[in-house]
Amino acid sequence: MIWAELEAIADRRLAERRSIQEQYVRKLYDRVVTDGYRAEVLDQSRDGWHVRVQYPPSSDVWITVRCVVADGRARFEWCRWLPWTCAADDIDTAASFLRDLLGAPDQTF
C-alpha cells in the first residue's frame, strides 16, 4: 500500500469513530436535558465528542462526560483516570451517574 491509501484508511476509521461518538453523545444530551439539566454538546477535535452538564447550584461548575470508542466498543467516561465508565448504549446508567453526582436538577434556568 502506498502512503495515501493508509492515510485514507485512517481517515475513514476516524470518521466512523467520531460518528459513533456523536450519536451516543447526542442521545445522552437529549436524556439529561429531558431530565431537567442544562447541558451542552461539545465537539473537540482532539478528544472527540462530549456532553457538558451544569451543576445545578452553581452556574460556574460543569461536569463533562465524553464518549470513547476503542476496540469497536463505545463507552462513556467521566475522567480517563477514574474508574467509572459505562457502555455508551446504556443511557440510563450514564444519566443516573450524572444525577447521583450533580443532585436534582434546578428548574430555574
Protein backbone atom coordinates (compact mmCIF):
# COMPACT_ATOMS: atom_id res chain seq x y z
CA MET A 1 0.00 0.00 0.00
CA ILE A 2 1.08 3.50 -0.61
CA TRP A 3 1.00 6.23 1.98
CA ALA A 4 -2.12 7.88 0.54
CA GLU A 5 -4.09 4.61 0.88
CA LEU A 6 -3.04 4.20 4.51
CA GLU A 7 -3.97 7.78 5.23
CA ALA A 8 -7.39 7.25 3.61
CA ILE A 9 -7.99 4.16 5.79
CA ALA A 10 -7.01 6.06 8.94
CA ASP A 11 -9.26 8.99 7.97
CA ARG A 12 -12.19 6.64 7.32
CA ARG A 13 -11.74 4.91 10.69
CA LEU A 14 -11.52 8.26 12.48
CA ALA A 15 -14.69 9.46 10.74
CA GLU A 16 -16.52 6.26 11.77
CA ARG A 17 -15.37 6.61 15.38
CA ARG A 18 -16.39 10.27 15.55
CA SER A 19 -19.79 9.46 14.04
CA ILE A 20 -20.41 6.81 16.72
CA GLN A 21 -19.28 9.24 19.43
CA GLU A 22 -21.62 11.95 18.19
CA GLN A 23 -24.57 9.56 18.04
CA TYR A 24 -24.21 8.48 21.68
CA VAL A 25 -23.34 11.95 22.98
CA ARG A 26 -26.47 13.40 21.41
CA LYS A 27 -28.60 10.64 22.98
CA LEU A 28 -27.14 11.36 26.42
CA TYR A 29 -27.59 15.10 25.87
CA ASP A 30 -31.26 14.60 24.99
CA ARG A 31 -31.73 12.50 28.12
CA VAL A 32 -30.14 14.92 30.59
CA VAL A 33 -31.98 17.90 29.08
CA THR A 34 -35.24 15.94 29.35
CA ASP A 35 -34.33 15.23 32.99
CA GLY A 36 -34.13 18.99 33.57
CA TYR A 37 -30.39 19.76 33.45
CA ARG A 38 -28.72 22.47 31.43
CA ALA A 39 -26.27 20.79 29.06
CA GLU A 40 -24.12 21.37 26.00
CA VAL A 41 -22.70 19.13 23.30
CA LEU A 42 -19.03 19.74 22.60
CA ASP A 43 -17.06 18.57 19.58
CA GLN A 44 -13.39 18.74 20.44
CA SER A 45 -11.25 17.72 17.51
CA ARG A 46 -8.54 16.15 19.66
CA ASP A 47 -10.70 14.33 22.22
CA GLY A 48 -13.94 13.74 20.30
CA TRP A 49 -17.49 14.36 21.44
CA HIS A 50 -18.52 15.35 24.98
CA VAL A 51 -21.64 16.22 26.96
CA ARG A 52 -21.14 19.04 29.43
CA VAL A 53 -23.75 19.24 32.21
CA GLN A 54 -24.11 22.19 34.57
CA TYR A 55 -24.01 21.59 38.32
CA PRO A 56 -27.42 22.97 39.36
CA PRO A 57 -26.40 25.06 42.42
CA SER A 58 -23.62 26.88 40.54
CA SER A 59 -23.55 28.36 37.06
CA ASP A 60 -19.75 28.14 37.12
CA VAL A 61 -19.39 24.36 37.61
CA TRP A 62 -19.86 21.89 34.79
CA ILE A 63 -19.29 18.12 34.62
CA THR A 64 -18.07 16.73 31.31
CA VAL A 65 -18.67 13.16 30.17
CA ARG A 66 -17.01 12.02 26.97
CA CYS A 67 -17.70 9.16 24.63
CA VAL A 68 -14.74 6.93 23.87
CA VAL A 69 -14.66 4.38 21.07
CA ALA A 70 -11.97 1.72 21.27
CA ASP A 71 -11.77 -1.86 20.07
CA GLY A 72 -15.11 -1.44 18.33
CA ARG A 73 -16.93 -0.57 21.57
CA ALA A 74 -18.26 2.79 22.70
CA ARG A 75 -18.41 3.87 26.33
CA PHE A 76 -18.86 7.00 28.38
CA GLU A 77 -16.23 8.10 30.83
CA TRP A 78 -16.15 10.98 33.25
CA CYS A 79 -12.39 11.15 33.59
CA ARG A 80 -9.88 8.86 31.97
CA TRP A 81 -8.06 8.44 35.30
CA LEU A 82 -11.10 7.42 37.37
CA PRO A 83 -12.75 4.01 37.29
CA TRP A 84 -16.33 4.97 36.32
CA THR A 85 -17.33 4.03 32.78
CA CYS A 86 -20.42 2.55 31.19
CA ALA A 87 -21.39 1.25 27.79
CA ALA A 88 -22.46 4.11 25.55
CA ASP A 89 -25.73 2.42 24.69
CA ASP A 90 -26.65 2.36 28.40
CA ILE A 91 -28.03 5.90 28.55
CA ASP A 92 -29.92 5.15 31.78
CA THR A 93 -26.70 4.34 33.67
CA ALA A 94 -24.93 7.43 32.31
CA ALA A 95 -27.88 9.67 33.24
CA SER A 96 -28.10 8.04 36.68
CA PHE A 97 -24.38 8.66 37.24
CA LEU A 98 -24.82 12.35 36.44
CA ARG A 99 -27.92 12.63 38.64
CA ASP A 100 -26.05 10.97 41.56
CA LEU A 101 -23.07 13.26 41.03
CA LEU A 102 -24.98 16.51 40.48
CA GLY A 103 -28.10 16.05 42.57
CA ALA A 104 -31.56 17.06 41.44
CA PRO A 105 -31.74 19.47 38.53
CA ASP A 106 -32.67 23.07 39.22
CA GLN A 107 -35.68 24.06 37.17
CA THR A 108 -34.88 27.79 37.32
CA PHE A 109 -32.77 28.06 34.16
